[in-house]
Amino acid sequence: MAIEFARSARSDLGIEWELALVDHASGDLSPAAPEILHGLDLSDEDGFSPITAELLTNTVEVVSRVHDTVRQATEDLEGTIEQVRAAAEPLGVDLMCAGTHPFAQWSQQRVTDKERYATLIDRTQWWGRQMLIWGVHMHVGIEDRRKVLPILDGLLPYYPHLQALSASSPFWSGEATGYASNRAMMFQQLPTAGLPPQFTEWSEYESMVDDLLHVGVIDSYDEIRWDIRPSPRWGTIEVRACDGLSTVAEVRAMTALVQCLVEELSGMLDRGIVPPAMQPWFVKENKWRAARYGMETILITNAAGDERLVTDDTRDLIARLEPVAERLGCLDELHELDTILERGASYERQLLTAARNNGSLKSVVASLVAELRDGLPPQR
């Protein structure tokens, strides 16, 4: 099966941000998405809608149009969120985002009435029904299909940075898990989720898709839900490694990091340099470490097995990417990573809020609602 890769402008952007709907009084999840979507038709003349349904009726996804800069893309999202919030408030519903809800029970959630979701649940059963998780997906345009797989492999050494900085799911069904990102561990249980294989030729990717179609694992290549994947339909690499980000400032920061990394790797290929890759067992170990330890992760930095604290490595990474960020117009947004380093990732803020409120997870929900509304992480 030949898989065409759409034409896309180099390093242009699109962002998908999954938002949870919570009851204002109880803080529990609310199945309000069908009612909100029914009364909020934002489709343009081309049929594009910046708000869509997701697997569960407690979730809406806001989607940016294609933009050149991080600032444009996130301002696009903010405009849509304000419209969603205006539709949700009369229903007694608040908006929040994290990788998981602190205390909601997966068994009490409703699945959106769509055939593809029914098929997913029928196949995956208990694990599929437990996908009470939220994430942010960033698409970055790749102008030449020959670059896609080398850039994808080159991004994998930075997986723990993405995971640790975005980690926002320390609780599951009312319990502290001991993980910074329980979402990462949950989502990889689906049969086509998790880390991507490392291919050298596009034909290998096409052959794998053929195999999965032949044996009925998927019906389309977009049902492959890797943490980082090619998105041939849009001509992009899609980074899906991040937990649900709790503030627009964090969305800006993480999107800037992704855009800069992709552009840096693309520039290396232009100069005839193959981006350094890392053996799959190190990539897998880094994912687990970042999900478990978050900002305290000792990550493996290269194929030689050198190690370093993720926060120290991130500071040097920001400095290295500054010239790339300046060219892309996202230098300020890249430096919003400094705020995460200073104020803590969302999982740290959630744990601190619970500790300050005698373990109250309802207070954690309230803090997440406030963070999304205010757009910035609070001071420590």
Protein backbone atom coordinates (compact mmCIF):
# COMPACT_ATOMS: atom_id res chain seq x y z
CA MET A 1 0.00 0.00 0.00
CA ALA A 2 1.47 3.33 -1.09
CA ILE A 3 0.85 6.03 1.53
CA GLU A 4 1.03 9.52 0.09
CA PHE A 5 2.36 12.29 2.31
CA ALA A 6 0.47 15.54 1.87
CA ARG A 7 2.23 18.76 0.94
CA SER A 8 2.82 20.95 3.97
CA ALA A 9 4.76 24.12 4.65
CA ARG A 10 7.91 23.53 6.67
CA SER A 11 7.41 23.87 10.44
CA ASP A 12 3.84 25.18 10.23
CA LEU A 13 1.66 24.24 13.18
CA GLY A 14 -1.60 22.76 14.32
CA ILE A 15 -2.60 21.95 17.91
CA GLU A 16 -5.28 19.66 19.36
CA TRP A 17 -6.13 20.22 23.05
CA GLU A 18 -8.46 17.82 24.89
CA LEU A 19 -10.47 19.46 27.67
CA ALA A 20 -12.40 17.79 30.47
CA LEU A 21 -15.89 18.96 31.43
CA VAL A 22 -16.49 19.03 35.18
CA ASP A 23 -19.56 19.76 37.27
CA HIS A 24 -19.17 23.11 39.02
CA ALA A 25 -20.68 21.91 42.29
CA SER A 26 -19.13 18.47 42.72
CA GLY A 27 -15.95 18.71 40.66
CA ASP A 28 -16.77 15.34 39.10
CA LEU A 29 -16.84 14.81 35.36
CA SER A 30 -19.95 15.90 33.48
CA PRO A 31 -21.28 14.17 30.31
CA ALA A 32 -22.14 17.55 28.80
CA ALA A 33 -20.22 17.37 25.51
CA PRO A 34 -23.21 16.38 23.30
CA GLU A 35 -25.30 19.29 24.62
CA ILE A 36 -22.43 21.78 24.26
CA LEU A 37 -21.58 20.62 20.75
CA HIS A 38 -25.23 20.64 19.68
CA GLY A 39 -25.57 24.30 20.61
CA LEU A 40 -22.17 25.44 19.37
CA ASP A 41 -21.71 25.10 15.61
CA LEU A 42 -18.41 26.81 14.80
CA SER A 43 -17.84 25.18 11.40
CA ASP A 44 -16.50 27.42 8.64
CA GLU A 45 -17.43 27.41 4.95
CA ASP A 46 -14.85 24.67 4.31
CA GLY A 47 -16.42 22.38 6.92
CA PHE A 48 -13.61 22.79 9.44
CA SER A 49 -14.77 22.84 13.06
CA PRO A 50 -12.45 24.02 15.85
CA ILE A 51 -14.33 21.90 18.40
CA THR A 52 -15.01 18.17 18.17
CA ALA A 53 -16.30 15.24 20.21
CA GLU A 54 -13.96 12.68 21.73
CA LEU A 55 -14.26 9.09 22.98
CA LEU A 56 -16.17 10.05 26.13
CA THR A 57 -19.01 12.52 26.57
CA ASN A 58 -17.08 14.28 29.34
CA THR A 59 -14.58 15.67 26.81
CA VAL A 60 -14.36 18.20 24.01
CA GLU A 61 -11.33 18.76 21.84
CA VAL A 62 -10.40 22.22 20.60
CA VAL A 63 -8.41 22.31 17.38
CA SER A 64 -6.43 25.16 15.90
CA ARG A 65 -6.26 25.97 12.24
CA VAL A 66 -2.86 25.79 10.54
CA HIS A 67 -0.57 28.63 11.60
CA ASP A 68 3.00 29.76 11.15
CA THR A 69 3.70 30.62 14.79
CA VAL A 70 3.00 29.22 18.22
CA ARG A 71 1.42 32.51 19.30
CA GLN A 72 -1.07 32.45 16.43
CA ALA A 73 -2.02 28.82 17.06
CA THR A 74 -2.56 29.24 20.80
CA GLU A 75 -4.52 32.48 20.40
CA ASP A 76 -6.74 30.56 17.97
CA LEU A 77 -7.32 27.91 20.66
CA GLU A 78 -8.01 30.53 23.32
CA GLY A 79 -10.74 32.09 21.19
CA THR A 80 -12.46 28.72 20.79
CA ILE A 81 -12.14 27.92 24.51
CA GLU A 82 -13.89 31.16 25.41
CA GLN A 83 -16.82 30.15 23.22
CA VAL A 84 -16.89 26.67 24.78
CA ARG A 85 -16.77 28.19 28.27
CA ALA A 86 -19.67 30.51 27.44
CA ALA A 87 -21.73 27.52 26.33
CA ALA A 88 -20.73 25.39 29.33
CA GLU A 89 -21.30 27.87 32.16
CA PRO A 90 -25.12 27.98 31.90
CA LEU A 91 -25.04 24.17 32.26
CA GLY A 92 -23.08 24.42 35.52
CA VAL A 93 -20.00 23.00 33.79
CA ASP A 94 -16.38 24.13 34.15
CA LEU A 95 -13.39 23.38 31.91
CA MET A 96 -10.14 21.83 33.09
CA CYS A 97 -7.24 19.90 31.67
CA ALA A 98 -4.87 17.32 33.12
CA GLY A 99 -3.68 13.90 32.03
CA THR A 100 -6.28 12.33 34.32
CA HIS A 101 -9.11 13.50 36.59
CA PRO A 102 -8.08 13.22 40.25
CA PHE A 103 -11.03 11.16 41.47
CA ALA A 104 -13.53 10.36 38.68
CA GLN A 105 -14.43 6.69 38.17
CA TRP A 106 -13.95 5.28 34.68
CA SER A 107 -16.88 2.87 35.07
CA GLN A 108 -19.34 5.77 35.38
CA GLN A 109 -18.43 7.49 32.09
CA ARG A 110 -20.45 7.45 28.88
CA VAL A 111 -19.01 6.67 25.46
CA THR A 112 -19.79 9.08 22.62
CA ASP A 113 -22.35 7.62 20.21
CA LYS A 114 -20.14 7.06 17.17
CA GLU A 115 -19.41 3.80 15.35
CA ARG A 116 -15.62 4.15 15.53
CA TYR A 117 -15.73 4.58 19.31
CA ALA A 118 -18.07 1.62 19.69
CA THR A 119 -15.67 -0.48 17.61
CA LEU A 120 -12.71 0.62 19.73
CA ILE A 121 -14.44 -0.29 22.99
CA ASP A 122 -15.70 -3.60 21.60
CA ARG A 123 -12.16 -4.59 20.65
CA THR A 124 -10.22 -3.25 23.63
CA GLN A 125 -12.82 -3.98 26.35
CA TRP A 126 -11.59 -3.27 29.92
CA TRP A 127 -8.51 -1.32 28.84
CA GLY A 128 -10.45 0.72 26.30
CA ARG A 129 -13.15 1.62 28.83
CA GLN A 130 -10.44 2.87 31.18
CA MET A 131 -9.14 5.51 28.76
CA LEU A 132 -10.20 8.32 31.08
CA ILE A 133 -7.25 10.43 29.95
CA TRP A 134 -6.50 13.72 28.19
CA GLY A 135 -3.59 14.94 26.09
CA VAL A 136 -2.32 17.65 23.77
CA HIS A 137 -1.20 16.82 20.24
CA MET A 138 1.09 19.06 18.17
CA HIS A 139 1.39 18.78 14.40
CA VAL A 140 4.50 20.24 12.73
CA GLY A 141 4.71 20.48 8.94
CA ILE A 142 7.38 18.50 7.09
CA GLU A 143 8.06 19.70 3.54
CA ASP A 144 9.77 16.51 2.30
CA ARG A 145 8.60 12.97 3.10
CA ARG A 146 12.21 11.76 3.12
CA LYS A 147 12.73 13.75 6.32
CA VAL A 148 9.83 12.27 8.29
CA LEU A 149 11.38 9.11 9.68
CA PRO A 150 14.83 10.57 10.50
CA ILE A 151 13.13 13.46 12.33
CA LEU A 152 10.85 11.04 14.18
CA ASP A 153 13.84 8.98 15.32
CA GLY A 154 15.68 12.16 16.23
CA LEU A 155 12.81 13.29 18.45
CA LEU A 156 12.80 10.12 20.56
CA PRO A 157 15.80 11.11 22.74
CA TYR A 158 13.71 14.15 23.78
CA TYR A 159 10.69 12.08 24.73
CA PRO A 160 11.50 12.24 28.48
CA HIS A 161 11.71 16.05 28.34
CA LEU A 162 8.24 16.22 26.78
CA GLN A 163 6.83 13.72 29.25
CA ALA A 164 8.37 15.20 32.38
CA LEU A 165 7.55 18.83 31.62
CA SER A 166 3.93 18.01 30.71
CA ALA A 167 3.26 15.36 33.36
CA SER A 168 -0.12 16.05 34.94
CA SER A 169 -1.66 12.75 36.00
CA PRO A 170 -0.49 11.75 39.49
CA PHE A 171 -3.96 10.55 40.58
CA TRP A 172 -6.16 7.75 39.31
CA SER A 173 -9.67 7.01 40.61
CA GLY A 174 -9.01 8.91 43.83
CA GLU A 175 -5.58 7.45 44.60
CA ALA A 176 -2.08 8.87 44.34
CA THR A 177 -0.29 6.54 41.93
CA GLY A 178 3.32 7.46 42.68
CA TYR A 179 3.67 8.32 38.98
CA ALA A 180 4.02 11.80 37.54
CA SER A 181 2.16 10.57 34.44
CA ASN A 182 -0.19 7.69 34.99
CA ARG A 183 -1.72 8.62 31.62
CA ALA A 184 1.43 7.52 29.78
CA MET A 185 1.24 4.09 31.38
CA MET A 186 -2.50 3.76 30.71
CA PHE A 187 -2.55 4.83 27.08
CA GLN A 188 0.20 2.47 25.93
CA GLN A 189 -2.04 -0.50 26.79
CA LEU A 190 -4.03 0.03 23.58
CA PRO A 191 -2.83 -2.29 20.81
CA THR A 192 -1.52 0.41 18.44
CA ALA A 193 -0.41 2.95 21.06
CA GLY A 194 2.95 3.51 22.72
CA LEU A 195 6.37 4.24 21.29
CA PRO A 196 6.86 4.08 17.51
CA PRO A 197 9.09 1.57 15.76
CA GLN A 198 12.28 3.00 14.33
CA PHE A 199 12.19 2.65 10.54
CA THR A 200 14.87 3.65 8.05
CA GLU A 201 12.73 3.68 4.88
CA TRP A 202 9.18 4.92 4.20
CA SER A 203 8.49 1.59 2.50
CA GLU A 204 8.98 -0.17 5.87
CA TYR A 205 6.26 2.01 7.37
CA GLU A 206 3.99 1.24 4.40
CA SER A 207 4.64 -2.51 4.79
CA MET A 208 3.79 -2.41 8.48
CA VAL A 209 0.52 -0.58 7.74
CA ASP A 210 -0.24 -3.22 5.08
CA ASP A 211 0.35 -6.00 7.60
CA LEU A 212 -1.91 -4.41 10.22
CA LEU A 213 -4.66 -3.82 7.67
CA HIS A 214 -4.37 -7.40 6.40
CA VAL A 215 -4.84 -8.99 9.82
CA GLY A 216 -7.56 -6.54 10.88
CA VAL A 217 -5.72 -4.65 13.61
CA ILE A 218 -6.60 -1.34 11.94
CA ASP A 219 -8.94 -0.11 9.21
CA SER A 220 -6.84 2.97 8.41
CA TYR A 221 -3.31 4.16 9.11
CA ASP A 222 -4.64 6.95 11.34
CA GLU A 223 -5.74 4.28 13.85
CA ILE A 224 -2.06 3.83 14.71
CA ARG A 225 -1.82 5.89 17.90
CA TRP A 226 1.92 6.09 18.56
CA ASP A 227 3.26 8.72 20.96
CA ILE A 228 5.01 10.31 17.97
CA ARG A 229 3.77 9.40 14.52
CA PRO A 230 3.72 10.45 10.88
CA SER A 231 0.44 12.08 9.90
CA PRO A 232 0.40 11.59 6.12
CA ARG A 233 -3.05 13.15 5.68
CA TRP A 234 -1.77 16.51 6.92
CA GLY A 235 1.88 16.29 5.89
CA THR A 236 3.08 16.52 9.48
CA ILE A 237 4.80 14.78 12.32
CA GLU A 238 2.33 14.55 15.19
CA VAL A 239 3.72 14.60 18.72
CA ARG A 240 1.25 12.97 21.12
CA ALA A 241 3.59 12.41 24.07
CA CYS A 242 2.31 15.24 26.27
CA ASP A 243 -0.17 14.81 29.10
CA GLY A 244 -3.11 17.16 29.12
CA LEU A 245 -1.62 20.60 29.74
CA SER A 246 -3.31 22.61 32.44
CA THR A 247 -2.68 26.14 31.15
CA VAL A 248 -2.32 27.92 27.82
CA ALA A 249 1.16 29.05 28.92
CA GLU A 250 2.21 25.40 29.12
CA VAL A 251 0.65 24.69 25.72
CA ARG A 252 2.65 27.57 24.27
CA ALA A 253 5.87 26.39 25.92
CA MET A 254 5.58 22.74 24.92
CA THR A 255 4.48 23.55 21.37
CA ALA A 256 7.45 25.89 20.99
CA LEU A 257 9.76 23.13 22.21
CA VAL A 258 8.31 20.66 19.71
CA GLN A 259 8.41 23.12 16.80
CA CYS A 260 12.02 24.08 17.56
CA LEU A 261 13.18 20.47 17.90
CA VAL A 262 11.59 19.51 14.57
CA GLU A 263 13.10 22.55 12.84
CA GLU A 264 16.53 21.88 14.34
CA LEU A 265 16.45 18.26 13.14
CA SER A 266 15.20 19.35 9.71
CA GLY A 267 18.12 21.76 9.46
CA MET A 268 20.56 18.99 10.31
CA LEU A 269 19.20 16.91 7.44
CA ASP A 270 19.58 19.89 5.10
CA ARG A 271 23.29 19.90 6.01
CA GLY A 272 23.62 16.17 5.35
CA ILE A 273 23.73 15.24 9.04
CA VAL A 274 21.64 12.28 10.21
CA PRO A 275 20.07 13.20 13.58
CA PRO A 276 21.43 11.08 16.44
CA ALA A 277 19.08 8.25 17.36
CA MET A 278 18.90 6.10 20.46
CA GLN A 279 18.46 2.36 20.80
CA PRO A 280 14.82 1.35 21.45
CA TRP A 281 15.53 -0.10 24.90
CA PHE A 282 16.93 3.25 26.08
CA VAL A 283 13.94 5.10 24.59
CA LYS A 284 11.58 2.75 26.42
CA GLU A 285 13.46 3.15 29.70
CA ASN A 286 13.39 6.95 29.35
CA LYS A 287 9.64 6.89 28.84
CA TRP A 288 9.12 4.87 32.00
CA ARG A 289 11.50 7.02 34.04
CA ALA A 290 9.80 10.24 32.94
CA ALA A 291 6.33 8.85 33.65
CA ARG A 292 7.44 7.65 37.07
CA TYR A 293 9.70 10.47 38.27
CA GLY A 294 8.67 13.50 36.21
CA MET A 295 10.92 16.47 36.92
CA GLU A 296 13.23 14.30 39.02
CA THR A 297 14.00 12.00 36.09
CA ILE A 298 17.58 10.96 35.49
CA LEU A 299 17.35 10.54 31.74
CA ILE A 300 19.58 8.66 29.34
CA THR A 301 20.90 11.35 27.00
CA ASN A 302 22.49 9.39 24.17
CA ALA A 303 23.30 6.00 22.68
CA ALA A 304 26.40 5.77 24.85
CA GLY A 305 24.22 5.67 27.97
CA ASP A 306 25.26 8.98 29.55
CA GLU A 307 22.75 10.24 32.12
CA ARG A 308 21.62 13.61 33.44
CA LEU A 309 18.84 15.24 35.45
CA VAL A 310 16.04 16.26 33.08
CA THR A 311 15.76 19.79 34.48
CA ASP A 312 19.47 20.48 33.94
CA ASP A 313 19.32 19.07 30.44
CA THR A 314 16.21 21.12 29.65
CA ARG A 315 17.92 24.38 30.64
CA ASP A 316 20.78 23.65 28.25
CA LEU A 317 18.31 22.56 25.58
CA ILE A 318 16.46 25.90 25.83
CA ALA A 319 19.72 27.79 25.40
CA ARG A 320 20.71 25.66 22.40
CA LEU A 321 17.34 26.16 20.69
CA GLU A 322 17.23 29.94 21.15
CA PRO A 323 18.51 30.75 17.62
CA VAL A 324 15.96 28.35 16.11
CA ALA A 325 13.18 29.85 18.23
CA GLU A 326 14.14 33.37 17.16
CA ARG A 327 13.86 32.39 13.49
CA LEU A 328 10.48 30.75 14.11
CA GLY A 329 9.15 33.68 16.13
CA CYS A 330 8.64 31.66 19.33
CA LEU A 331 11.53 32.74 21.54
CA ASP A 332 9.24 34.12 24.26
CA GLU A 333 7.12 30.98 24.16
CA LEU A 334 10.18 28.72 24.39
CA HIS A 335 11.26 30.59 27.50
CA GLU A 336 7.89 29.87 29.09
CA LEU A 337 9.51 26.50 29.81
CA ASP A 338 11.39 28.46 32.47
CA THR A 339 8.06 28.98 34.25
CA ILE A 340 7.47 25.23 34.37
CA LEU A 341 10.97 24.70 35.74
CA GLU A 342 10.44 27.39 38.37
CA ARG A 343 6.83 26.71 39.40
CA GLY A 344 6.71 22.96 38.88
CA ALA A 345 4.94 20.73 36.39
CA SER A 346 1.19 20.22 36.80
CA TYR A 347 1.59 16.92 38.65
CA GLU A 348 3.72 18.66 41.28
CA ARG A 349 1.20 21.46 41.67
CA GLN A 350 -1.64 18.96 42.03
CA LEU A 351 0.17 16.98 44.72
CA LEU A 352 1.00 20.20 46.59
CA THR A 353 -2.62 21.39 46.43
CA ALA A 354 -3.86 18.09 47.83
CA ALA A 355 -1.28 18.19 50.64
CA ARG A 356 -2.25 21.75 51.56
CA ASN A 357 -5.96 20.81 51.70
CA ASN A 358 -5.84 17.68 53.86
CA GLY A 359 -5.84 15.40 50.83
CA SER A 360 -8.94 16.96 49.21
CA LEU A 361 -9.01 16.00 45.54
CA LYS A 362 -11.96 18.29 44.95
CA SER A 363 -9.58 21.14 45.78
CA VAL A 364 -7.23 19.81 43.10
CA VAL A 365 -10.03 20.00 40.52
CA ALA A 366 -10.81 23.55 41.61
CA SER A 367 -7.17 24.53 41.20
CA LEU A 368 -7.04 22.98 37.71
CA VAL A 369 -10.20 24.86 36.70
CA ALA A 370 -8.64 28.10 37.96
CA GLU A 371 -5.36 27.46 36.16
CA LEU A 372 -7.07 26.91 32.82
CA ARG A 373 -9.18 30.02 33.30
CA ASP A 374 -6.20 32.17 34.35
CA GLY A 375 -3.84 30.78 31.71
CA LEU A 376 -0.77 30.53 33.95
CA PRO A 377 0.56 28.14 36.59
CA PRO A 378 0.37 29.72 40.05
CA GLN A 379 3.43 30.73 42.01
CA ARG A 380 4.79 28.02 44.28
